[in-house]
Structure formats: C-alpha cells, structure tokens
Amino acid sequence: MAKLYSKTEFHNLMEKVEAVDVRVKNYLKLTGYDKWARSYASVHGGWTLTSNIAESINVALVSTRELPKYDFIGKFRLMFGRRNYENKQQAVYTFTDLIGKFQEILK
C-alpha cells in the first residue's frame, strides 16, 4: 500500500486489511496515510526516481564511447528519441488514474 500511486488501489488493499483485522486499519489510519503512503503524500519528490539515471545512460552508451564525438552525439540523440517515443506510446494507451501532478504529466 505504501508504494501505490492510485488511491483506488490503496483503498482496495485497505479493505482487505480491514477484513483481516480492523485494528490494523485503525492503527494505519491513526498514524496518518500522508506519512507513509505515496498516494496521500503531500511531497512527491524523490519517490519517482528510484535508480541513478546517469548510471543507466552510461550502461546504454558503453558501446558508443569509442566513436567520434559527432557520431556519439548522433547515437545519443537517437537513443533518447526512441525512448521518448516509446514512453509516449505507452502513456497514450495507459488508462490508470494517478495522483495529482503525475496524472498531468501523463496527459
């Protein structure tokens, strides 16, 4: 539940918790959902980036490091263009409602 971005999914799981033991649900509610659940957090900063982007790029570009700069930049541009296109295509066909700013970014 802590990692979910969707409040609907969060509440579905909370209902399952309540079915097992209502005391657990009451404790979690008393603690404050905003303190531990992404879908209720007021600050969304570091939760969206879970890996080091620089390391990911370095691994992807390992084979192009020996190329001349012009060719390297061309490969870099193509890689990011393809990745942005694929992400946009995935976003276009995603119908899950997310929280606040993430829903707007997806749109």
C-alpha atoms as a PDB file:
ATOM      1  CA  MET A   1       0.000   0.000   0.000  1.00  0.00           C
ATOM      2  CA  ALA A   2       2.846   2.378   0.776  1.00  0.00           C
ATOM      3  CA  LYS A   3       4.171   2.288  -2.789  1.00  0.00           C
ATOM      4  CA  LEU A   4       0.875   2.679  -4.655  1.00  0.00           C
ATOM      5  CA  TYR A   5       0.191   5.904  -6.562  1.00  0.00           C
ATOM      6  CA  SER A   6      -3.504   5.185  -7.079  1.00  0.00           C
ATOM      7  CA  LYS A   7      -5.873   5.965  -4.221  1.00  0.00           C
ATOM      8  CA  THR A   8      -8.377   3.450  -5.618  1.00  0.00           C
ATOM      9  CA  GLU A   9      -5.858   0.610  -5.384  1.00  0.00           C
ATOM     10  CA  PHE A  10      -4.811   1.849  -1.951  1.00  0.00           C
ATOM     11  CA  HIS A  11      -8.395   1.690  -0.645  1.00  0.00           C
ATOM     12  CA  ASN A  12      -8.952  -1.741  -2.220  1.00  0.00           C
ATOM     13  CA  LEU A  13      -5.997  -3.073  -0.253  1.00  0.00           C
ATOM     14  CA  MET A  14      -7.114  -1.234   2.868  1.00  0.00           C
ATOM     15  CA  GLU A  15     -10.464  -3.049   2.638  1.00  0.00           C
ATOM     16  CA  LYS A  16      -8.577  -6.362   2.581  1.00  0.00           C
ATOM     17  CA  VAL A  17      -6.613  -5.307   5.656  1.00  0.00           C
ATOM     18  CA  GLU A  18      -9.871  -4.382   7.393  1.00  0.00           C
ATOM     19  CA  ALA A  19     -11.331  -7.802   6.553  1.00  0.00           C
ATOM     20  CA  VAL A  20      -8.378  -9.478   8.269  1.00  0.00           C
ATOM     21  CA  ASP A  21      -8.104  -7.190  11.304  1.00  0.00           C
ATOM     22  CA  VAL A  22      -9.870  -3.854  11.703  1.00  0.00           C
ATOM     23  CA  ARG A  23      -7.381  -2.840  14.413  1.00  0.00           C
ATOM     24  CA  VAL A  24      -4.582  -2.747  11.851  1.00  0.00           C
ATOM     25  CA  LYS A  25      -6.626  -0.491   9.597  1.00  0.00           C
ATOM     26  CA  ASN A  26      -7.438   1.802  12.506  1.00  0.00           C
ATOM     27  CA  TYR A  27      -3.773   1.962  13.523  1.00  0.00           C
ATOM     28  CA  LEU A  28      -2.642   2.826   9.996  1.00  0.00           C
ATOM     29  CA  LYS A  29      -5.334   5.480   9.696  1.00  0.00           C
ATOM     30  CA  LEU A  30      -4.409   6.943  13.078  1.00  0.00           C
ATOM     31  CA  THR A  31      -0.758   7.103  12.014  1.00  0.00           C
ATOM     32  CA  GLY A  32      -1.782   9.245   9.051  1.00  0.00           C
ATOM     33  CA  TYR A  33      -1.770   7.996   5.480  1.00  0.00           C
ATOM     34  CA  ASP A  34       0.181  11.077   4.383  1.00  0.00           C
ATOM     35  CA  LYS A  35       3.186   9.941   6.450  1.00  0.00           C
ATOM     36  CA  TRP A  36       3.671   6.581   4.768  1.00  0.00           C
ATOM     37  CA  ALA A  37       1.531   6.200   1.634  1.00  0.00           C
ATOM     38  CA  ARG A  38       2.597   7.686  -1.708  1.00  0.00           C
ATOM     39  CA  SER A  39      -0.967   8.243  -2.827  1.00  0.00           C
ATOM     40  CA  TYR A  40      -1.584  10.566   0.152  1.00  0.00           C
ATOM     41  CA  ALA A  41       1.852  12.208   0.381  1.00  0.00           C
ATOM     42  CA  SER A  42       1.987  15.975   0.033  1.00  0.00           C
ATOM     43  CA  VAL A  43       5.564  15.828  -1.293  1.00  0.00           C
ATOM     44  CA  HIS A  44       6.327  13.551  -4.220  1.00  0.00           C
ATOM     45  CA  GLY A  45       9.989  14.491  -4.801  1.00  0.00           C
ATOM     46  CA  GLY A  46      12.362  11.560  -4.713  1.00  0.00           C
ATOM     47  CA  TRP A  47       9.848   8.761  -4.984  1.00  0.00           C
ATOM     48  CA  THR A  48       9.551   8.965  -8.767  1.00  0.00           C
ATOM     49  CA  LEU A  49      13.241   8.367  -9.442  1.00  0.00           C
ATOM     50  CA  THR A  50      14.277   5.050  -7.984  1.00  0.00           C
ATOM     51  CA  SER A  51      17.547   4.485  -9.859  1.00  0.00           C
ATOM     52  CA  ASN A  52      20.532   6.585 -10.817  1.00  0.00           C
ATOM     53  CA  ILE A  53      19.753   7.945 -14.296  1.00  0.00           C
ATOM     54  CA  ALA A  54      23.403   8.727 -15.032  1.00  0.00           C
ATOM     55  CA  GLU A  55      24.371   5.087 -14.458  1.00  0.00           C
ATOM     56  CA  SER A  56      21.564   3.903 -16.712  1.00  0.00           C
ATOM     57  CA  ILE A  57      22.707   6.208 -19.500  1.00  0.00           C
ATOM     58  CA  ASN A  58      26.335   5.146 -19.079  1.00  0.00           C
ATOM     59  CA  VAL A  59      25.428   1.481 -19.426  1.00  0.00           C
ATOM     60  CA  ALA A  60      23.320   2.173 -22.517  1.00  0.00           C
ATOM     61  CA  LEU A  61      26.130   4.144 -24.182  1.00  0.00           C
ATOM     62  CA  VAL A  62      29.036   1.799 -23.377  1.00  0.00           C
ATOM     63  CA  SER A  63      29.353   0.617 -26.983  1.00  0.00           C
ATOM     64  CA  THR A  64      29.414   4.168 -28.399  1.00  0.00           C
ATOM     65  CA  ARG A  65      32.181   5.667 -26.237  1.00  0.00           C
ATOM     66  CA  GLU A  66      34.923   4.995 -28.786  1.00  0.00           C
ATOM     67  CA  LEU A  67      33.055   6.763 -31.609  1.00  0.00           C
ATOM     68  CA  PRO A  68      33.979  10.258 -32.801  1.00  0.00           C
ATOM     69  CA  LYS A  69      32.026  12.959 -30.939  1.00  0.00           C
ATOM     70  CA  TYR A  70      29.689  13.704 -33.836  1.00  0.00           C
ATOM     71  CA  ASP A  71      28.697  10.028 -34.184  1.00  0.00           C
ATOM     72  CA  PHE A  72      28.429   9.658 -30.394  1.00  0.00           C
ATOM     73  CA  ILE A  73      26.012  12.612 -30.199  1.00  0.00           C
ATOM     74  CA  GLY A  74      24.002  11.141 -33.072  1.00  0.00           C
ATOM     75  CA  LYS A  75      23.672   7.791 -31.272  1.00  0.00           C
ATOM     76  CA  PHE A  76      22.780   9.593 -28.045  1.00  0.00           C
ATOM     77  CA  ARG A  77      20.061  11.615 -29.824  1.00  0.00           C
ATOM     78  CA  LEU A  78      18.610   8.517 -31.480  1.00  0.00           C
ATOM     79  CA  MET A  79      18.577   6.593 -28.197  1.00  0.00           C
ATOM     80  CA  PHE A  80      16.677   9.325 -26.371  1.00  0.00           C
ATOM     81  CA  GLY A  81      14.357   9.947 -29.309  1.00  0.00           C
ATOM     82  CA  ARG A  82      13.426   6.260 -29.413  1.00  0.00           C
ATOM     83  CA  ARG A  83      12.999   6.124 -25.634  1.00  0.00           C
ATOM     84  CA  ASN A  84      10.775   9.240 -25.601  1.00  0.00           C
ATOM     85  CA  TYR A  85       8.684   7.842 -28.459  1.00  0.00           C
ATOM     86  CA  GLU A  86       8.222   4.506 -26.673  1.00  0.00           C
ATOM     87  CA  ASN A  87       7.313   6.230 -23.396  1.00  0.00           C
ATOM     88  CA  LYS A  88       4.801   8.461 -25.181  1.00  0.00           C
ATOM     89  CA  GLN A  89       3.207   5.448 -26.885  1.00  0.00           C
ATOM     90  CA  GLN A  90       2.925   3.675 -23.547  1.00  0.00           C
ATOM     91  CA  ALA A  91       1.432   6.779 -21.923  1.00  0.00           C
ATOM     92  CA  VAL A  92      -1.126   7.214 -24.710  1.00  0.00           C
ATOM     93  CA  TYR A  93      -2.524   3.737 -24.051  1.00  0.00           C
ATOM     94  CA  THR A  94      -2.446   3.932 -20.246  1.00  0.00           C
ATOM     95  CA  PHE A  95      -5.822   4.492 -18.629  1.00  0.00           C
ATOM     96  CA  THR A  96      -4.878   4.353 -14.949  1.00  0.00           C
ATOM     97  CA  ASP A  97      -5.599   7.489 -12.931  1.00  0.00           C
ATOM     98  CA  LEU A  98      -2.591   8.650 -10.962  1.00  0.00           C
ATOM     99  CA  ILE A  99      -2.280  11.252  -8.241  1.00  0.00           C
ATOM    100  CA  GLY A 100      -2.135  14.992  -8.951  1.00  0.00           C
ATOM    101  CA  LYS A 101       0.887  16.137 -10.893  1.00  0.00           C
ATOM    102  CA  PHE A 102       1.689  12.670 -12.255  1.00  0.00           C
ATOM    103  CA  GLN A 103      -1.680  12.476 -13.998  1.00  0.00           C
ATOM    104  CA  GLU A 104      -0.983  15.873 -15.588  1.00  0.00           C
ATOM    105  CA  ILE A 105       2.498  14.764 -16.705  1.00  0.00           C
ATOM    106  CA  LEU A 106       0.991  11.637 -18.229  1.00  0.00           C
ATOM    107  CA  LYS A 107      -1.551  13.713 -20.158  1.00  0.00           C
END
